[in-house]
Amino acid sequence: MSPAEVRVLLWYRAPEGAEHQVVAAFHKISTQLRGTPGLLGSELWRPVHDSADFVVVSEWENRRAFETWERGNGHKDATAPLRPYRDPRREQPFLLLEVVASY
């Protein structure tokens, strides 16, 4: 059995009127991470009824690929543009999910 794909969810909160800054930071980071080994894709989500909340969802080949990247030297620098927007209401800023089944 091959290692399962994983999804990483990260929660962000934009100050009032600064939603565009979160979107711009996401685009900047995504451009830098293009071609990262094991990264299959990344999306920026926003709830329909709260334009200040955001969720970044990244898709990875497997947990090992994500953890290798996360421990690497470039991880903190590459993701720095979004760090000021971490959602302070959440105790855990991210969630790592393993894909158990899909259709």
PDB file of N, CA and C in Angstrom:
ATOM      1  N   MET A   1       0.844  -1.192   0.000  1.00  0.00           N
ATOM      2  CA  MET A   1       0.000   0.000   0.000  1.00  0.00           C
ATOM      3  C   MET A   1       0.881   1.243   0.000  1.00  0.00           C
ATOM      4  N   SER A   2       0.607   2.182  -0.898  1.00  0.00           N
ATOM      5  CA  SER A   2       1.409   3.403  -0.968  1.00  0.00           C
ATOM      6  C   SER A   2       0.951   4.386   0.100  1.00  0.00           C
ATOM      7  N   PRO A   3       1.839   5.310   0.483  1.00  0.00           N
ATOM      8  CA  PRO A   3       1.454   6.307   1.492  1.00  0.00           C
ATOM      9  C   PRO A   3       0.283   7.158   0.996  1.00  0.00           C
ATOM     10  N   ALA A   4      -0.599   7.517   1.904  1.00  0.00           N
ATOM     11  CA  ALA A   4      -1.789   8.282   1.555  1.00  0.00           C
ATOM     12  C   ALA A   4      -1.464   9.745   1.295  1.00  0.00           C
ATOM     13  N   GLU A   5      -2.237  10.338   0.378  1.00  0.00           N
ATOM     14  CA  GLU A   5      -2.136  11.779   0.185  1.00  0.00           C
ATOM     15  C   GLU A   5      -2.573  12.474   1.464  1.00  0.00           C
ATOM     16  N   VAL A   6      -2.079  13.682   1.663  1.00  0.00           N
ATOM     17  CA  VAL A   6      -2.504  14.476   2.815  1.00  0.00           C
ATOM     18  C   VAL A   6      -2.938  15.855   2.343  1.00  0.00           C
ATOM     19  N   ARG A   7      -3.780  16.475   3.146  1.00  0.00           N
ATOM     20  CA  ARG A   7      -4.197  17.855   2.948  1.00  0.00           C
ATOM     21  C   ARG A   7      -3.788  18.624   4.188  1.00  0.00           C
ATOM     22  N   VAL A   8      -3.341  19.825   3.987  1.00  0.00           N
ATOM     23  CA  VAL A   8      -2.986  20.697   5.100  1.00  0.00           C
ATOM     24  C   VAL A   8      -3.908  21.906   5.039  1.00  0.00           C
ATOM     25  N   LEU A   9      -4.584  22.192   6.158  1.00  0.00           N
ATOM     26  CA  LEU A   9      -5.465  23.339   6.253  1.00  0.00           C
ATOM     27  C   LEU A   9      -4.841  24.341   7.213  1.00  0.00           C
ATOM     28  N   LEU A  10      -4.765  25.593   6.780  1.00  0.00           N
ATOM     29  CA  LEU A  10      -4.243  26.675   7.616  1.00  0.00           C
ATOM     30  C   LEU A  10      -5.269  27.789   7.657  1.00  0.00           C
ATOM     31  N   TRP A  11      -5.560  28.306   8.860  1.00  0.00           N
ATOM     32  CA  TRP A  11      -6.585  29.320   9.033  1.00  0.00           C
ATOM     33  C   TRP A  11      -5.959  30.696   9.188  1.00  0.00           C
ATOM     34  N   TYR A  12      -6.570  31.663   8.495  1.00  0.00           N
ATOM     35  CA  TYR A  12      -6.109  33.048   8.543  1.00  0.00           C
ATOM     36  C   TYR A  12      -7.290  33.979   8.749  1.00  0.00           C
ATOM     37  N   ARG A  13      -6.996  35.151   9.284  1.00  0.00           N
ATOM     38  CA  ARG A  13      -8.018  36.174   9.522  1.00  0.00           C
ATOM     39  C   ARG A  13      -7.436  37.519   9.107  1.00  0.00           C
ATOM     40  N   ALA A  14      -8.119  38.189   8.190  1.00  0.00           N
ATOM     41  CA  ALA A  14      -7.653  39.484   7.707  1.00  0.00           C
ATOM     42  C   ALA A  14      -8.237  40.602   8.565  1.00  0.00           C
ATOM     43  N   PRO A  15      -7.432  41.615   8.867  1.00  0.00           N
ATOM     44  CA  PRO A  15      -8.012  42.794   9.515  1.00  0.00           C
ATOM     45  C   PRO A  15      -9.035  43.428   8.571  1.00  0.00           C
ATOM     46  N   GLU A  16      -9.986  44.146   9.126  1.00  0.00           N
ATOM     47  CA  GLU A  16     -11.027  44.758   8.305  1.00  0.00           C
ATOM     48  C   GLU A  16     -10.404  45.622   7.203  1.00  0.00           C
ATOM     49  N   GLY A  17     -10.825  45.374   5.980  1.00  0.00           N
ATOM     50  CA  GLY A  17     -10.330  46.130   4.831  1.00  0.00           C
ATOM     51  C   GLY A  17      -9.031  45.613   4.242  1.00  0.00           C
ATOM     52  N   ALA A  18      -8.440  44.580   4.838  1.00  0.00           N
ATOM     53  CA  ALA A  18      -7.147  44.072   4.358  1.00  0.00           C
ATOM     54  C   ALA A  18      -7.262  42.701   3.704  1.00  0.00           C
ATOM     55  N   GLU A  19      -8.464  42.302   3.329  1.00  0.00           N
ATOM     56  CA  GLU A  19      -8.660  40.989   2.721  1.00  0.00           C
ATOM     57  C   GLU A  19      -7.792  40.808   1.477  1.00  0.00           C
ATOM     58  N   HIS A  20      -7.631  41.866   0.700  1.00  0.00           N
ATOM     59  CA  HIS A  20      -6.819  41.800  -0.518  1.00  0.00           C
ATOM     60  C   HIS A  20      -5.357  41.475  -0.211  1.00  0.00           C
ATOM     61  N   GLN A  21      -4.889  41.846   0.977  1.00  0.00           N
ATOM     62  CA  GLN A  21      -3.503  41.550   1.352  1.00  0.00           C
ATOM     63  C   GLN A  21      -3.294  40.050   1.579  1.00  0.00           C
ATOM     64  N   VAL A  22      -4.294  39.385   2.132  1.00  0.00           N
ATOM     65  CA  VAL A  22      -4.219  37.931   2.317  1.00  0.00           C
ATOM     66  C   VAL A  22      -4.173  37.249   0.955  1.00  0.00           C
ATOM     67  N   VAL A  23      -5.017  37.688   0.052  1.00  0.00           N
ATOM     68  CA  VAL A  23      -5.046  37.112  -1.296  1.00  0.00           C
ATOM     69  C   VAL A  23      -3.709  37.332  -1.996  1.00  0.00           C
ATOM     70  N   ALA A  24      -3.160  38.532  -1.897  1.00  0.00           N
ATOM     71  CA  ALA A  24      -1.866  38.831  -2.527  1.00  0.00           C
ATOM     72  C   ALA A  24      -0.748  37.980  -1.930  1.00  0.00           C
ATOM     73  N   ALA A  25      -0.762  37.801  -0.610  1.00  0.00           N
ATOM     74  CA  ALA A  25       0.258  36.972   0.045  1.00  0.00           C
ATOM     75  C   ALA A  25       0.150  35.524  -0.418  1.00  0.00           C
ATOM     76  N   PHE A  26      -1.071  35.028  -0.552  1.00  0.00           N
ATOM     77  CA  PHE A  26      -1.272  33.661  -1.036  1.00  0.00           C
ATOM     78  C   PHE A  26      -0.675  33.501  -2.440  1.00  0.00           C
ATOM     79  N   HIS A  27      -0.946  34.454  -3.323  1.00  0.00           N
ATOM     80  CA  HIS A  27      -0.414  34.373  -4.685  1.00  0.00           C
ATOM     81  C   HIS A  27       1.118  34.402  -4.687  1.00  0.00           C
ATOM     82  N   LYS A  28       1.695  35.246  -3.872  1.00  0.00           N
ATOM     83  CA  LYS A  28       3.157  35.343  -3.793  1.00  0.00           C
ATOM     84  C   LYS A  28       3.761  34.013  -3.339  1.00  0.00           C
ATOM     85  N   ILE A  29       3.199  33.453  -2.283  1.00  0.00           N
ATOM     86  CA  ILE A  29       3.707  32.181  -1.751  1.00  0.00           C
ATOM     87  C   ILE A  29       3.525  31.064  -2.776  1.00  0.00           C
ATOM     88  N   SER A  30       2.362  31.008  -3.390  1.00  0.00           N
ATOM     89  CA  SER A  30       2.080  29.945  -4.358  1.00  0.00           C
ATOM     90  C   SER A  30       3.041  29.990  -5.533  1.00  0.00           C
ATOM     91  N   THR A  31       3.388  31.176  -5.976  1.00  0.00           N
ATOM     92  CA  THR A  31       4.357  31.317  -7.068  1.00  0.00           C
ATOM     93  C   THR A  31       5.719  30.778  -6.653  1.00  0.00           C
ATOM     94  N   GLN A  32       6.137  31.084  -5.428  1.00  0.00           N
ATOM     95  CA  GLN A  32       7.436  30.606  -4.932  1.00  0.00           C
ATOM     96  C   GLN A  32       7.460  29.093  -4.746  1.00  0.00           C
ATOM     97  N   LEU A  33       6.321  28.524  -4.353  1.00  0.00           N
ATOM     98  CA  LEU A  33       6.287  27.090  -4.053  1.00  0.00           C
ATOM     99  C   LEU A  33       6.034  26.214  -5.281  1.00  0.00           C
ATOM    100  N   ARG A  34       5.739  26.833  -6.403  1.00  0.00           N
ATOM    101  CA  ARG A  34       5.515  26.057  -7.627  1.00  0.00           C
ATOM    102  C   ARG A  34       6.743  25.166  -7.867  1.00  0.00           C
ATOM    103  N   GLY A  35       6.493  23.883  -8.093  1.00  0.00           N
ATOM    104  CA  GLY A  35       7.576  22.933  -8.332  1.00  0.00           C
ATOM    105  C   GLY A  35       8.142  22.294  -7.076  1.00  0.00           C
ATOM    106  N   THR A  36       7.605  22.618  -5.913  1.00  0.00           N
ATOM    107  CA  THR A  36       8.074  21.997  -4.668  1.00  0.00           C
ATOM    108  C   THR A  36       7.792  20.500  -4.728  1.00  0.00           C
ATOM    109  N   PRO A  37       8.816  19.665  -4.491  1.00  0.00           N
ATOM    110  CA  PRO A  37       8.600  18.219  -4.548  1.00  0.00           C
ATOM    111  C   PRO A  37       7.483  17.774  -3.595  1.00  0.00           C
ATOM    112  N   GLY A  38       6.534  17.025  -4.127  1.00  0.00           N
ATOM    113  CA  GLY A  38       5.446  16.474  -3.333  1.00  0.00           C
ATOM    114  C   GLY A  38       4.219  17.355  -3.229  1.00  0.00           C
ATOM    115  N   LEU A  39       4.336  18.649  -3.556  1.00  0.00           N
ATOM    116  CA  LEU A  39       3.186  19.552  -3.486  1.00  0.00           C
ATOM    117  C   LEU A  39       2.356  19.402  -4.754  1.00  0.00           C
ATOM    118  N   LEU A  40       1.112  18.970  -4.595  1.00  0.00           N
ATOM    119  CA  LEU A  40       0.231  18.742  -5.742  1.00  0.00           C
ATOM    120  C   LEU A  40      -0.601  19.966  -6.096  1.00  0.00           C
ATOM    121  N   GLY A  41      -0.817  20.843  -5.137  1.00  0.00           N
ATOM    122  CA  GLY A  41      -1.605  22.035  -5.402  1.00  0.00           C
ATOM    123  C   GLY A  41      -1.986  22.743  -4.124  1.00  0.00           C
ATOM    124  N   SER A  42      -2.502  23.956  -4.290  1.00  0.00           N
ATOM    125  CA  SER A  42      -2.873  24.770  -3.151  1.00  0.00           C
ATOM    126  C   SER A  42      -4.045  25.656  -3.550  1.00  0.00           C
ATOM    127  N   GLU A  43      -4.968  25.859  -2.607  1.00  0.00           N
ATOM    128  CA  GLU A  43      -6.135  26.703  -2.859  1.00  0.00           C
ATOM    129  C   GLU A  43      -6.356  27.629  -1.668  1.00  0.00           C
ATOM    130  N   LEU A  44      -6.914  28.796  -1.961  1.00  0.00           N
ATOM    131  CA  LEU A  44      -7.304  29.736  -0.917  1.00  0.00           C
ATOM    132  C   LEU A  44      -8.829  29.754  -0.876  1.00  0.00           C
ATOM    133  N   TRP A  45      -9.388  29.417   0.273  1.00  0.00           N
ATOM    134  CA  TRP A  45     -10.834  29.362   0.448  1.00  0.00           C
ATOM    135  C   TRP A  45     -11.280  30.499   1.367  1.00  0.00           C
ATOM    136  N   ARG A  46     -12.529  30.930   1.173  1.00  0.00           N
ATOM    137  CA  ARG A  46     -13.109  31.946   2.058  1.00  0.00           C
ATOM    138  C   ARG A  46     -14.578  31.603   2.263  1.00  0.00           C
ATOM    139  N   PRO A  47     -15.056  31.621   3.508  1.00  0.00           N
ATOM    140  CA  PRO A  47     -16.474  31.389   3.746  1.00  0.00           C
ATOM    141  C   PRO A  47     -17.316  32.456   3.059  1.00  0.00           C
ATOM    142  N   VAL A  48     -18.435  32.066   2.533  1.00  0.00           N
ATOM    143  CA  VAL A  48     -19.321  32.982   1.809  1.00  0.00           C
ATOM    144  C   VAL A  48     -19.808  34.112   2.711  1.00  0.00           C
ATOM    145  N   HIS A  49     -20.016  33.842   3.979  1.00  0.00           N
ATOM    146  CA  HIS A  49     -20.624  34.825   4.868  1.00  0.00           C
ATOM    147  C   HIS A  49     -19.636  35.535   5.784  1.00  0.00           C
ATOM    148  N   ASP A  50     -18.339  35.376   5.541  1.00  0.00           N
ATOM    149  CA  ASP A  50     -17.337  36.083   6.358  1.00  0.00           C
ATOM    150  C   ASP A  50     -16.101  36.321   5.507  1.00  0.00           C
ATOM    151  N   SER A  51     -16.033  37.468   4.884  1.00  0.00           N
ATOM    152  CA  SER A  51     -14.954  37.743   3.933  1.00  0.00           C
ATOM    153  C   SER A  51     -13.603  37.968   4.593  1.00  0.00           C
ATOM    154  N   ALA A  52     -13.544  38.023   5.914  1.00  0.00           N
ATOM    155  CA  ALA A  52     -12.267  38.205   6.605  1.00  0.00           C
ATOM    156  C   ALA A  52     -11.591  36.879   6.945  1.00  0.00           C
ATOM    157  N   ASP A  53     -12.344  35.791   6.924  1.00  0.00           N
ATOM    158  CA  ASP A  53     -11.784  34.470   7.226  1.00  0.00           C
ATOM    159  C   ASP A  53     -11.266  33.819   5.955  1.00  0.00           C
ATOM    160  N   PHE A  54     -10.131  33.136   6.071  1.00  0.00           N
ATOM    161  CA  PHE A  54      -9.545  32.420   4.940  1.00  0.00           C
ATOM    162  C   PHE A  54      -9.005  31.076   5.414  1.00  0.00           C
ATOM    163  N   VAL A  55      -8.989  30.117   4.493  1.00  0.00           N
ATOM    164  CA  VAL A  55      -8.368  28.819   4.742  1.00  0.00           C
ATOM    165  C   VAL A  55      -7.500  28.502   3.532  1.00  0.00           C
ATOM    166  N   VAL A  56      -6.237  28.190   3.783  1.00  0.00           N
ATOM    167  CA  VAL A  56      -5.363  27.690   2.725  1.00  0.00           C
ATOM    168  C   VAL A  56      -5.393  26.179   2.821  1.00  0.00           C
ATOM    169  N   VAL A  57      -5.671  25.532   1.699  1.00  0.00           N
ATOM    170  CA  VAL A  57      -5.709  24.077   1.637  1.00  0.00           C
ATOM    171  C   VAL A  57      -4.646  23.648   0.639  1.00  0.00           C
ATOM    172  N   SER A  58      -3.656  22.921   1.123  1.00  0.00           N
ATOM    173  CA  SER A  58      -2.642  22.401   0.210  1.00  0.00           C
ATOM    174  C   SER A  58      -2.748  20.888   0.155  1.00  0.00           C
ATOM    175  N   GLU A  59      -2.431  20.349  -0.999  1.00  0.00           N
ATOM    176  CA  GLU A  59      -2.536  18.917  -1.259  1.00  0.00           C
ATOM    177  C   GLU A  59      -1.123  18.388  -1.506  1.00  0.00           C
ATOM    178  N   TRP A  60      -0.775  17.335  -0.789  1.00  0.00           N
ATOM    179  CA  TRP A  60       0.571  16.759  -0.856  1.00  0.00           C
ATOM    180  C   TRP A  60       0.508  15.284  -1.234  1.00  0.00           C
ATOM    181  N   GLU A  61       1.536  14.814  -1.919  1.00  0.00           N
ATOM    182  CA  GLU A  61       1.598  13.401  -2.320  1.00  0.00           C
ATOM    183  C   GLU A  61       1.477  12.474  -1.123  1.00  0.00           C
ATOM    184  N   ASN A  62       2.129  12.845  -0.026  1.00  0.00           N
ATOM    185  CA  ASN A  62       2.086  12.044   1.190  1.00  0.00           C
ATOM    186  C   ASN A  62       2.627  12.865   2.357  1.00  0.00           C
ATOM    187  N   ARG A  63       2.485  12.327   3.531  1.00  0.00           N
ATOM    188  CA  ARG A  63       2.915  13.025   4.746  1.00  0.00           C
ATOM    189  C   ARG A  63       4.416  13.271   4.748  1.00  0.00           C
ATOM    190  N   ARG A  64       5.165  12.309   4.278  1.00  0.00           N
ATOM    191  CA  ARG A  64       6.622  12.459   4.259  1.00  0.00           C
ATOM    192  C   ARG A  64       7.043  13.657   3.404  1.00  0.00           C
ATOM    193  N   ALA A  65       6.406  13.835   2.244  1.00  0.00           N
ATOM    194  CA  ALA A  65       6.735  14.969   1.369  1.00  0.00           C
ATOM    195  C   ALA A  65       6.445  16.290   2.074  1.00  0.00           C
ATOM    196  N   PHE A  66       5.290  16.373   2.735  1.00  0.00           N
ATOM    197  CA  PHE A  66       4.956  17.599   3.456  1.00  0.00           C
ATOM    198  C   PHE A  66       5.948  17.856   4.580  1.00  0.00           C
ATOM    199  N   GLU A  67       6.221  16.845   5.388  1.00  0.00           N
ATOM    200  CA  GLU A  67       7.109  17.037   6.536  1.00  0.00           C
ATOM    201  C   GLU A  67       8.539  17.343   6.108  1.00  0.00           C
ATOM    202  N   THR A  68       8.988  16.779   5.010  1.00  0.00           N
ATOM    203  CA  THR A  68      10.319  17.101   4.485  1.00  0.00           C
ATOM    204  C   THR A  68      10.381  18.576   4.114  1.00  0.00           C
ATOM    205  N   TRP A  69       9.357  19.068   3.414  1.00  0.00           N
ATOM    206  CA  TRP A  69       9.314  20.475   3.045  1.00  0.00           C
ATOM    207  C   TRP A  69       9.216  21.358   4.288  1.00  0.00           C
ATOM    208  N   GLU A  70       8.367  20.964   5.226  1.00  0.00           N
ATOM    209  CA  GLU A  70       8.147  21.774   6.425  1.00  0.00           C
ATOM    210  C   GLU A  70       9.425  21.924   7.257  1.00  0.00           C
ATOM    211  N   ARG A  71      10.242  20.882   7.292  1.00  0.00           N
ATOM    212  CA  ARG A  71      11.500  20.932   8.048  1.00  0.00           C
ATOM    213  C   ARG A  71      12.623  21.623   7.278  1.00  0.00           C
ATOM    214  N   GLY A  72      12.413  21.859   6.002  1.00  0.00           N
ATOM    215  CA  GLY A  72      13.452  22.440   5.164  1.00  0.00           C
ATOM    216  C   GLY A  72      13.739  23.897   5.480  1.00  0.00           C
ATOM    217  N   ASN A  73      14.874  24.365   4.983  1.00  0.00           N
ATOM    218  CA  ASN A  73      15.326  25.726   5.243  1.00  0.00           C
ATOM    219  C   ASN A  73      14.405  26.796   4.674  1.00  0.00           C
ATOM    220  N   GLY A  74      13.792  26.556   3.530  1.00  0.00           N
ATOM    221  CA  GLY A  74      13.004  27.586   2.878  1.00  0.00           C
ATOM    222  C   GLY A  74      11.576  27.729   3.355  1.00  0.00           C
ATOM    223  N   HIS A  75      11.102  26.805   4.171  1.00  0.00           N
ATOM    224  CA  HIS A  75       9.696  26.796   4.600  1.00  0.00           C
ATOM    225  C   HIS A  75       9.277  28.104   5.261  1.00  0.00           C
ATOM    226  N   LYS A  76       9.999  28.531   6.271  1.00  0.00           N
ATOM    227  CA  LYS A  76       9.598  29.726   7.032  1.00  0.00           C
ATOM    228  C   LYS A  76       9.679  30.992   6.190  1.00  0.00           C
ATOM    229  N   ASP A  77      10.713  31.115   5.379  1.00  0.00           N
ATOM    230  CA  ASP A  77      10.830  32.296   4.522  1.00  0.00           C
ATOM    231  C   ASP A  77       9.725  32.331   3.474  1.00  0.00           C
ATOM    232  N   ALA A  78       9.442  31.183   2.873  1.00  0.00           N
ATOM    233  CA  ALA A  78       8.443  31.125   1.804  1.00  0.00           C
ATOM    234  C   ALA A  78       7.048  31.460   2.310  1.00  0.00           C
ATOM    235  N   THR A  79       6.721  31.056   3.523  1.00  0.00           N
ATOM    236  CA  THR A  79       5.366  31.254   4.040  1.00  0.00           C
ATOM    237  C   THR A  79       5.220  32.523   4.891  1.00  0.00           C
ATOM    238  N   ALA A  80       6.284  33.268   5.042  1.00  0.00           N
ATOM    239  CA  ALA A  80       6.267  34.471   5.885  1.00  0.00           C
ATOM    240  C   ALA A  80       5.194  35.497   5.508  1.00  0.00           C
ATOM    241  N   PRO A  81       4.885  35.715   4.229  1.00  0.00           N
ATOM    242  CA  PRO A  81       3.892  36.741   3.918  1.00  0.00           C
ATOM    243  C   PRO A  81       2.502  36.501   4.517  1.00  0.00           C
ATOM    244  N   LEU A  82       2.147  35.270   4.811  1.00  0.00           N
ATOM    245  CA  LEU A  82       0.840  34.996   5.415  1.00  0.00           C
ATOM    246  C   LEU A  82       0.878  34.931   6.942  1.00  0.00           C
ATOM    247  N   ARG A  83       2.049  34.799   7.510  1.00  0.00           N
ATOM    248  CA  ARG A  83       2.163  34.603   8.961  1.00  0.00           C
ATOM    249  C   ARG A  83       1.453  35.686   9.781  1.00  0.00           C
ATOM    250  N   PRO A  84       1.504  36.969   9.398  1.00  0.00           N
ATOM    251  CA  PRO A  84       0.816  37.991  10.214  1.00  0.00           C
ATOM    252  C   PRO A  84      -0.703  37.826  10.249  1.00  0.00           C
ATOM    253  N   TYR A  85      -1.243  37.026   9.357  1.00  0.00           N
ATOM    254  CA  TYR A  85      -2.689  36.865   9.273  1.00  0.00           C
ATOM    255  C   TYR A  85      -3.201  35.575   9.918  1.00  0.00           C
ATOM    256  N   ARG A  86      -2.346  34.827  10.594  1.00  0.00           N
ATOM    257  CA  ARG A  86      -2.817  33.623  11.274  1.00  0.00           C
ATOM    258  C   ARG A  86      -4.004  33.981  12.149  1.00  0.00           C
ATOM    259  N   ASP A  87      -4.987  33.108  12.156  1.00  0.00           N
ATOM    260  CA  ASP A  87      -6.212  33.364  12.912  1.00  0.00           C
ATOM    261  C   ASP A  87      -5.925  33.224  14.406  1.00  0.00           C
ATOM    262  N   PRO A  88      -5.958  34.319  15.162  1.00  0.00           N
ATOM    263  CA  PRO A  88      -5.616  34.267  16.588  1.00  0.00           C
ATOM    264  C   PRO A  88      -6.668  33.556  17.441  1.00  0.00           C
ATOM    265  N   ARG A  89      -7.828  33.297  16.847  1.00  0.00           N
ATOM    266  CA  ARG A  89      -8.891  32.620  17.594  1.00  0.00           C
ATOM    267  C   ARG A  89      -8.672  31.115  17.677  1.00  0.00           C
ATOM    268  N   ARG A  90      -7.740  30.614  16.895  1.00  0.00           N
ATOM    269  CA  ARG A  90      -7.517  29.167  16.836  1.00  0.00           C
ATOM    270  C   ARG A  90      -6.280  28.779  17.649  1.00  0.00           C
ATOM    271  N   GLU A  91      -6.455  27.780  18.473  1.00  0.00           N
ATOM    272  CA  GLU A  91      -5.338  27.278  19.275  1.00  0.00           C
ATOM    273  C   GLU A  91      -4.292  26.615  18.377  1.00  0.00           C
ATOM    274  N   GLN A  92      -4.741  25.839  17.416  1.00  0.00           N
ATOM    275  CA  GLN A  92      -3.891  25.143  16.435  1.00  0.00           C
ATOM    276  C   GLN A  92      -4.001  25.919  15.125  1.00  0.00           C
ATOM    277  N   PRO A  93      -2.898  26.469  14.597  1.00  0.00           N
ATOM    278  CA  PRO A  93      -2.998  27.253  13.359  1.00  0.00           C
ATOM    279  C   PRO A  93      -3.173  26.407  12.096  1.00  0.00           C
ATOM    280  N   PHE A  94      -2.922  25.094  12.214  1.00  0.00           N
ATOM    281  CA  PHE A  94      -3.080  24.253  11.023  1.00  0.00           C
ATOM    282  C   PHE A  94      -3.575  22.870  11.418  1.00  0.00           C
ATOM    283  N   LEU A  95      -4.039  22.136  10.399  1.00  0.00           N
ATOM    284  CA  LEU A  95      -4.523  20.783  10.596  1.00  0.00           C
ATOM    285  C   LEU A  95      -3.981  19.931   9.460  1.00  0.00           C
ATOM    286  N   LEU A  96      -3.397  18.808   9.783  1.00  0.00           N
ATOM    287  CA  LEU A  96      -2.867  17.868   8.803  1.00  0.00           C
ATOM    288  C   LEU A  96      -3.842  16.699   8.710  1.00  0.00           C
ATOM    289  N   LEU A  97      -4.380  16.470   7.503  1.00  0.00           N
ATOM    290  CA  LEU A  97      -5.397  15.429   7.299  1.00  0.00           C
ATOM    291  C   LEU A  97      -4.910  14.401   6.300  1.00  0.00           C
ATOM    292  N   GLU A  98      -5.090  13.151   6.612  1.00  0.00           N
ATOM    293  CA  GLU A  98      -4.749  12.059   5.704  1.00  0.00           C
ATOM    294  C   GLU A  98      -5.988  11.646   4.920  1.00  0.00           C
ATOM    295  N   VAL A  99      -5.835  11.460   3.625  1.00  0.00           N
ATOM    296  CA  VAL A  99      -6.950  11.015   2.795  1.00  0.00           C
ATOM    297  C   VAL A  99      -7.160   9.523   3.037  1.00  0.00           C
ATOM    298  N   VAL A 100      -8.344   9.172   3.524  1.00  0.00           N
ATOM    299  CA  VAL A 100      -8.666   7.795   3.829  1.00  0.00           C
ATOM    300  C   VAL A 100      -9.406   7.147   2.660  1.00  0.00           C
ATOM    301  N   ALA A 101     -10.272   7.936   2.004  1.00  0.00           N
ATOM    302  CA  ALA A 101     -11.025   7.429   0.857  1.00  0.00           C
ATOM    303  C   ALA A 101     -11.399   8.612  -0.021  1.00  0.00           C
ATOM    304  N   SER A 102     -11.518   8.347  -1.310  1.00  0.00           N
ATOM    305  CA  SER A 102     -11.981   9.396  -2.228  1.00  0.00           C
ATOM    306  C   SER A 102     -12.596   8.736  -3.456  1.00  0.00           C
ATOM    307  N   TYR A 103     -13.421   9.480  -4.161  1.00  0.00           N
ATOM    308  CA  TYR A 103     -14.090   8.984  -5.365  1.00  0.00           C
ATOM    309  C   TYR A 103     -13.885   9.969  -6.483  1.00  0.00           C
TER     310      TYR A 103
END
